[in-house]
Amino acid sequence: MRRKAKVMSKKISSFEDLEVWKEGMRLACDIYKHLKSSKDFGLKGQMQRASLSIPSNIAEGFERKTNKEFIQFLYISKGSCAELRTQLYLAKNIHEIDAGIAQDLLTRTVALSKMLYRLIETRREKFS
């Protein structure tokens, strides 16, 4: 007889508790790290702003405390994720970032976008 595993869900009391925010922060830190020596200041700045926008909008939306506003900020964050993905393709194609590193970052942006989509759907279904 199989026993059901108990799922321990941690109460989310701040945006810092959200896994999607944590992953967004890790991604932003890695973008800053990998572009540290870049001399392409235009692309570097755009990529840094887009990457920072992801966790920043999650945090801002969470702090608004209304579900409708939170969802809107999650969509903005998801858009920034797509913007960053586009910039990563460019950085990879012009050899501003190593192809292997770029591919890892691209994979992470896709995963993060999926996390954001799932959170948006959860907020719509359970909090509206």
N, C-alpha and C. Protein backbone atom coordinates (compact mmCIF):
# COMPACT_ATOMS: atom_id res chain seq x y z
N MET A 1 0.82 -1.17 0.00
CA MET A 1 0.00 0.00 0.00
C MET A 1 0.88 1.24 0.00
N ARG A 2 0.61 2.11 -0.95
CA ARG A 2 1.39 3.33 -1.07
C ARG A 2 0.85 4.40 -0.14
N ARG A 3 1.74 5.08 0.49
CA ARG A 3 1.37 6.20 1.35
C ARG A 3 1.55 7.48 0.58
N LYS A 4 0.64 8.38 0.76
CA LYS A 4 0.77 9.68 0.14
C LYS A 4 1.86 10.47 0.84
N ALA A 5 2.70 11.04 0.04
CA ALA A 5 3.75 11.89 0.61
C ALA A 5 3.12 13.20 1.05
N LYS A 6 3.53 13.62 2.23
CA LYS A 6 3.05 14.89 2.73
C LYS A 6 3.80 16.01 2.03
N VAL A 7 3.06 16.92 1.48
CA VAL A 7 3.67 18.06 0.83
C VAL A 7 3.66 19.21 1.83
N MET A 8 4.85 19.63 2.14
CA MET A 8 4.99 20.75 3.07
C MET A 8 5.10 22.02 2.23
N SER A 9 4.08 22.83 2.29
CA SER A 9 4.16 24.08 1.54
C SER A 9 4.52 25.20 2.49
N LYS A 10 5.55 25.90 2.12
CA LYS A 10 6.02 27.01 2.92
C LYS A 10 5.14 28.22 2.64
N LYS A 11 4.75 28.89 3.67
CA LYS A 11 3.93 30.08 3.50
C LYS A 11 4.76 31.16 2.82
N ILE A 12 4.17 31.75 1.82
CA ILE A 12 4.82 32.84 1.10
C ILE A 12 4.41 34.15 1.77
N SER A 13 5.35 34.77 2.45
CA SER A 13 5.02 36.01 3.15
C SER A 13 5.73 37.21 2.56
N SER A 14 6.68 36.97 1.66
CA SER A 14 7.37 38.06 0.99
C SER A 14 7.83 37.58 -0.38
N PHE A 15 8.14 38.51 -1.25
CA PHE A 15 8.58 38.12 -2.59
C PHE A 15 9.87 37.31 -2.54
N GLU A 16 10.67 37.52 -1.49
CA GLU A 16 11.91 36.75 -1.34
C GLU A 16 11.65 35.26 -1.15
N ASP A 17 10.44 34.89 -0.77
CA ASP A 17 10.08 33.48 -0.60
C ASP A 17 9.74 32.79 -1.92
N LEU A 18 9.52 33.56 -2.97
CA LEU A 18 9.11 32.99 -4.26
C LEU A 18 10.30 32.41 -5.01
N GLU A 19 10.18 31.15 -5.42
CA GLU A 19 11.26 30.51 -6.17
C GLU A 19 11.51 31.23 -7.50
N VAL A 20 10.46 31.73 -8.12
CA VAL A 20 10.61 32.42 -9.40
C VAL A 20 11.43 33.71 -9.22
N TRP A 21 11.25 34.39 -8.10
CA TRP A 21 12.05 35.58 -7.82
C TRP A 21 13.51 35.19 -7.59
N LYS A 22 13.73 34.12 -6.82
CA LYS A 22 15.10 33.65 -6.55
C LYS A 22 15.82 33.29 -7.84
N GLU A 23 15.12 32.59 -8.73
CA GLU A 23 15.74 32.21 -10.01
C GLU A 23 16.01 33.45 -10.85
N GLY A 24 15.08 34.41 -10.83
CA GLY A 24 15.30 35.66 -11.55
C GLY A 24 16.53 36.40 -11.05
N MET A 25 16.73 36.40 -9.75
CA MET A 25 17.91 37.05 -9.17
C MET A 25 19.19 36.33 -9.58
N ARG A 26 19.16 34.99 -9.54
CA ARG A 26 20.35 34.23 -9.96
C ARG A 26 20.70 34.53 -11.42
N LEU A 27 19.67 34.57 -12.26
CA LEU A 27 19.88 34.87 -13.68
C LEU A 27 20.46 36.27 -13.86
N ALA A 28 19.89 37.25 -13.19
CA ALA A 28 20.39 38.63 -13.30
C ALA A 28 21.85 38.71 -12.84
N CYS A 29 22.18 38.07 -11.74
CA CYS A 29 23.57 38.07 -11.25
C CYS A 29 24.51 37.45 -12.29
N ASP A 30 24.08 36.36 -12.91
CA ASP A 30 24.92 35.71 -13.92
C ASP A 30 25.08 36.57 -15.17
N ILE A 31 24.03 37.27 -15.57
CA ILE A 31 24.13 38.18 -16.71
C ILE A 31 25.17 39.26 -16.40
N TYR A 32 25.08 39.86 -15.22
CA TYR A 32 26.06 40.88 -14.83
C TYR A 32 27.47 40.30 -14.83
N LYS A 33 27.62 39.11 -14.30
CA LYS A 33 28.93 38.46 -14.22
C LYS A 33 29.51 38.20 -15.61
N HIS A 34 28.70 37.64 -16.51
CA HIS A 34 29.21 37.27 -17.83
C HIS A 34 29.44 38.47 -18.74
N LEU A 35 28.84 39.59 -18.42
CA LEU A 35 29.03 40.80 -19.24
C LEU A 35 30.01 41.80 -18.61
N LYS A 36 30.60 41.41 -17.51
CA LYS A 36 31.46 42.32 -16.75
C LYS A 36 32.53 42.99 -17.61
N SER A 37 33.15 42.24 -18.48
CA SER A 37 34.24 42.80 -19.28
C SER A 37 33.81 43.25 -20.68
N SER A 38 32.53 43.19 -20.96
CA SER A 38 32.02 43.59 -22.28
C SER A 38 32.25 45.07 -22.53
N LYS A 39 32.69 45.39 -23.73
CA LYS A 39 32.88 46.79 -24.13
C LYS A 39 31.71 47.28 -24.98
N ASP A 40 30.77 46.38 -25.29
CA ASP A 40 29.57 46.78 -26.05
C ASP A 40 28.57 47.33 -25.04
N PHE A 41 28.74 48.59 -24.69
CA PHE A 41 27.98 49.18 -23.61
C PHE A 41 26.48 49.26 -23.89
N GLY A 42 26.11 49.42 -25.14
CA GLY A 42 24.69 49.46 -25.49
C GLY A 42 24.01 48.14 -25.21
N LEU A 43 24.55 47.06 -25.77
CA LEU A 43 23.97 45.73 -25.57
C LEU A 43 24.10 45.30 -24.11
N LYS A 44 25.24 45.55 -23.53
CA LYS A 44 25.47 45.21 -22.11
C LYS A 44 24.42 45.88 -21.21
N GLY A 45 24.20 47.16 -21.42
CA GLY A 45 23.23 47.88 -20.59
C GLY A 45 21.81 47.35 -20.79
N GLN A 46 21.44 47.10 -22.04
CA GLN A 46 20.10 46.57 -22.33
C GLN A 46 19.89 45.21 -21.66
N MET A 47 20.90 44.35 -21.76
CA MET A 47 20.78 43.02 -21.17
C MET A 47 20.73 43.08 -19.64
N GLN A 48 21.52 43.96 -19.07
CA GLN A 48 21.50 44.12 -17.62
C GLN A 48 20.14 44.65 -17.15
N ARG A 49 19.60 45.63 -17.87
CA ARG A 49 18.29 46.18 -17.49
C ARG A 49 17.19 45.14 -17.64
N ALA A 50 17.22 44.39 -18.74
CA ALA A 50 16.18 43.37 -18.96
C ALA A 50 16.26 42.29 -17.88
N SER A 51 17.48 41.85 -17.57
CA SER A 51 17.62 40.79 -16.56
C SER A 51 17.20 41.28 -15.18
N LEU A 52 17.54 42.50 -14.85
CA LEU A 52 17.16 43.07 -13.55
C LEU A 52 15.66 43.32 -13.46
N SER A 53 15.04 43.60 -14.60
CA SER A 53 13.61 43.86 -14.65
C SER A 53 12.79 42.62 -14.25
N ILE A 54 13.33 41.45 -14.50
CA ILE A 54 12.57 40.22 -14.21
C ILE A 54 12.27 40.10 -12.71
N PRO A 55 13.27 40.01 -11.84
CA PRO A 55 12.94 39.90 -10.41
C PRO A 55 12.37 41.19 -9.83
N SER A 56 12.75 42.33 -10.39
CA SER A 56 12.24 43.61 -9.88
C SER A 56 10.73 43.71 -10.05
N ASN A 57 10.22 43.30 -11.21
CA ASN A 57 8.77 43.36 -11.44
C ASN A 57 8.01 42.32 -10.63
N ILE A 58 8.63 41.18 -10.38
CA ILE A 58 8.01 40.19 -9.50
C ILE A 58 7.85 40.80 -8.10
N ALA A 59 8.92 41.42 -7.63
CA ALA A 59 8.90 42.04 -6.30
C ALA A 59 7.88 43.17 -6.23
N GLU A 60 7.89 44.05 -7.23
CA GLU A 60 6.97 45.18 -7.20
C GLU A 60 5.52 44.71 -7.24
N GLY A 61 5.23 43.75 -8.09
CA GLY A 61 3.88 43.23 -8.18
C GLY A 61 3.42 42.58 -6.89
N PHE A 62 4.31 41.83 -6.26
CA PHE A 62 3.97 41.18 -5.00
C PHE A 62 3.62 42.21 -3.94
N GLU A 63 4.38 43.27 -3.90
CA GLU A 63 4.18 44.31 -2.88
C GLU A 63 2.92 45.13 -3.11
N ARG A 64 2.36 45.10 -4.32
CA ARG A 64 1.13 45.84 -4.58
C ARG A 64 -0.06 45.24 -3.83
N LYS A 65 0.01 43.97 -3.55
CA LYS A 65 -0.97 43.26 -2.72
C LYS A 65 -2.33 43.02 -3.37
N THR A 66 -2.55 43.47 -4.59
CA THR A 66 -3.79 43.08 -5.27
C THR A 66 -3.43 42.07 -6.34
N ASN A 67 -4.25 41.07 -6.48
CA ASN A 67 -3.98 40.00 -7.42
C ASN A 67 -3.89 40.51 -8.85
N LYS A 68 -4.80 41.39 -9.24
CA LYS A 68 -4.81 41.91 -10.60
C LYS A 68 -3.49 42.63 -10.93
N GLU A 69 -3.03 43.46 -10.01
CA GLU A 69 -1.77 44.17 -10.23
C GLU A 69 -0.59 43.21 -10.23
N PHE A 70 -0.61 42.23 -9.31
CA PHE A 70 0.48 41.26 -9.25
C PHE A 70 0.59 40.52 -10.59
N ILE A 71 -0.53 40.08 -11.13
CA ILE A 71 -0.52 39.37 -12.41
C ILE A 71 0.03 40.27 -13.51
N GLN A 72 -0.36 41.54 -13.52
CA GLN A 72 0.14 42.47 -14.54
C GLN A 72 1.66 42.60 -14.46
N PHE A 73 2.21 42.69 -13.25
CA PHE A 73 3.65 42.80 -13.10
C PHE A 73 4.35 41.48 -13.48
N LEU A 74 3.68 40.36 -13.25
CA LEU A 74 4.25 39.07 -13.68
C LEU A 74 4.33 39.02 -15.21
N TYR A 75 3.33 39.56 -15.89
CA TYR A 75 3.38 39.64 -17.35
C TYR A 75 4.53 40.54 -17.82
N ILE A 76 4.74 41.63 -17.14
CA ILE A 76 5.85 42.52 -17.49
C ILE A 76 7.18 41.78 -17.31
N SER A 77 7.29 41.04 -16.22
CA SER A 77 8.48 40.24 -15.95
C SER A 77 8.69 39.20 -17.05
N LYS A 78 7.61 38.56 -17.46
CA LYS A 78 7.68 37.56 -18.54
C LYS A 78 8.13 38.22 -19.84
N GLY A 79 7.64 39.43 -20.11
CA GLY A 79 8.08 40.17 -21.28
C GLY A 79 9.56 40.51 -21.23
N SER A 80 10.05 40.88 -20.07
CA SER A 80 11.48 41.17 -19.90
C SER A 80 12.31 39.91 -20.13
N CYS A 81 11.75 38.79 -19.76
CA CYS A 81 12.43 37.51 -19.98
C CYS A 81 12.59 37.25 -21.49
N ALA A 82 11.55 37.54 -22.26
CA ALA A 82 11.61 37.37 -23.72
C ALA A 82 12.59 38.38 -24.33
N GLU A 83 12.58 39.59 -23.80
CA GLU A 83 13.51 40.61 -24.27
C GLU A 83 14.95 40.15 -24.05
N LEU A 84 15.23 39.64 -22.86
CA LEU A 84 16.57 39.15 -22.55
C LEU A 84 16.95 37.98 -23.45
N ARG A 85 16.01 37.11 -23.72
CA ARG A 85 16.28 35.96 -24.59
C ARG A 85 16.70 36.44 -25.98
N THR A 86 16.01 37.44 -26.51
CA THR A 86 16.36 38.01 -27.81
C THR A 86 17.77 38.58 -27.78
N GLN A 87 18.09 39.30 -26.73
CA GLN A 87 19.41 39.90 -26.60
C GLN A 87 20.51 38.85 -26.45
N LEU A 88 20.17 37.74 -25.81
CA LEU A 88 21.14 36.64 -25.68
C LEU A 88 21.45 36.02 -27.04
N TYR A 89 20.42 35.87 -27.88
CA TYR A 89 20.67 35.37 -29.23
C TYR A 89 21.63 36.29 -29.97
N LEU A 90 21.40 37.59 -29.86
CA LEU A 90 22.28 38.55 -30.52
C LEU A 90 23.70 38.45 -29.95
N ALA A 91 23.82 38.45 -28.64
CA ALA A 91 25.13 38.38 -28.00
C ALA A 91 25.88 37.11 -28.41
N LYS A 92 25.15 36.03 -28.54
CA LYS A 92 25.75 34.76 -28.99
C LYS A 92 26.20 34.88 -30.45
N ASN A 93 25.34 35.43 -31.30
CA ASN A 93 25.64 35.51 -32.74
C ASN A 93 26.80 36.45 -33.05
N ILE A 94 26.98 37.49 -32.26
CA ILE A 94 28.10 38.42 -32.51
C ILE A 94 29.31 38.09 -31.63
N HIS A 95 29.25 36.96 -30.95
CA HIS A 95 30.35 36.44 -30.12
C HIS A 95 30.70 37.35 -28.95
N GLU A 96 29.68 38.03 -28.44
CA GLU A 96 29.87 38.85 -27.24
C GLU A 96 29.86 37.97 -25.99
N ILE A 97 29.15 36.84 -26.08
CA ILE A 97 29.10 35.84 -25.00
C ILE A 97 29.44 34.49 -25.63
N ASP A 98 30.21 33.70 -24.92
CA ASP A 98 30.54 32.35 -25.36
C ASP A 98 29.26 31.57 -25.68
N ALA A 99 29.27 30.81 -26.76
CA ALA A 99 28.08 30.09 -27.22
C ALA A 99 27.52 29.14 -26.16
N GLY A 100 28.38 28.45 -25.44
CA GLY A 100 27.92 27.52 -24.39
C GLY A 100 27.26 28.24 -23.23
N ILE A 101 27.84 29.34 -22.82
CA ILE A 101 27.27 30.14 -21.74
C ILE A 101 25.94 30.73 -22.20
N ALA A 102 25.93 31.25 -23.43
CA ALA A 102 24.69 31.83 -23.96
C ALA A 102 23.58 30.78 -24.00
N GLN A 103 23.91 29.57 -24.43
CA GLN A 103 22.90 28.52 -24.51
C GLN A 103 22.35 28.18 -23.13
N ASP A 104 23.22 28.12 -22.14
CA ASP A 104 22.77 27.87 -20.77
C ASP A 104 21.84 28.99 -20.30
N LEU A 105 22.20 30.22 -20.56
CA LEU A 105 21.37 31.36 -20.16
C LEU A 105 20.04 31.36 -20.92
N LEU A 106 20.07 31.00 -22.19
CA LEU A 106 18.83 30.90 -22.98
C LEU A 106 17.90 29.84 -22.39
N THR A 107 18.46 28.70 -22.06
CA THR A 107 17.67 27.62 -21.45
C THR A 107 17.04 28.08 -20.15
N ARG A 108 17.79 28.82 -19.37
CA ARG A 108 17.28 29.32 -18.09
C ARG A 108 16.18 30.36 -18.29
N THR A 109 16.30 31.20 -19.33
CA THR A 109 15.24 32.17 -19.57
C THR A 109 13.95 31.49 -19.98
N VAL A 110 14.05 30.41 -20.76
CA VAL A 110 12.85 29.65 -21.15
C VAL A 110 12.22 29.03 -19.92
N ALA A 111 13.02 28.43 -19.06
CA ALA A 111 12.51 27.82 -17.82
C ALA A 111 11.87 28.88 -16.92
N LEU A 112 12.49 30.03 -16.82
CA LEU A 112 11.96 31.11 -15.98
C LEU A 112 10.63 31.62 -16.54
N SER A 113 10.54 31.74 -17.85
CA SER A 113 9.30 32.17 -18.48
C SER A 113 8.17 31.18 -18.18
N LYS A 114 8.50 29.89 -18.19
CA LYS A 114 7.50 28.87 -17.86
C LYS A 114 7.08 28.96 -16.40
N MET A 115 8.02 29.24 -15.51
CA MET A 115 7.70 29.42 -14.10
C MET A 115 6.75 30.61 -13.92
N LEU A 116 7.04 31.69 -14.63
CA LEU A 116 6.18 32.88 -14.55
C LEU A 116 4.78 32.56 -15.07
N TYR A 117 4.70 31.83 -16.16
CA TYR A 117 3.40 31.47 -16.72
C TYR A 117 2.59 30.63 -15.72
N ARG A 118 3.25 29.67 -15.09
CA ARG A 118 2.55 28.83 -14.09
C ARG A 118 2.08 29.67 -12.90
N LEU A 119 2.88 30.62 -12.47
CA LEU A 119 2.47 31.48 -11.36
C LEU A 119 1.30 32.37 -11.78
N ILE A 120 1.33 32.89 -12.98
CA ILE A 120 0.21 33.69 -13.49
C ILE A 120 -1.07 32.86 -13.50
N GLU A 121 -0.98 31.64 -14.01
CA GLU A 121 -2.16 30.77 -14.07
C GLU A 121 -2.67 30.42 -12.67
N THR A 122 -1.77 30.17 -11.76
CA THR A 122 -2.16 29.87 -10.37
C THR A 122 -2.85 31.07 -9.75
N ARG A 123 -2.30 32.25 -9.96
CA ARG A 123 -2.92 33.46 -9.39
C ARG A 123 -4.29 33.70 -10.00
N ARG A 124 -4.45 33.42 -11.27
CA ARG A 124 -5.75 33.59 -11.92
C ARG A 124 -6.79 32.60 -11.38
N GLU A 125 -6.39 31.35 -11.23
CA GLU A 125 -7.31 30.28 -10.84
C GLU A 125 -7.67 30.32 -9.37
N LYS A 126 -6.70 30.61 -8.51
CA LYS A 126 -6.93 30.47 -7.07
C LYS A 126 -7.13 31.77 -6.31
N PHE A 127 -6.82 32.88 -6.95
CA PHE A 127 -6.89 34.14 -6.22
C PHE A 127 -7.81 35.18 -6.86
N SER A 128 -8.48 34.80 -7.93
CA SER A 128 -9.37 35.75 -8.59
C SER A 128 -10.80 35.58 -8.14
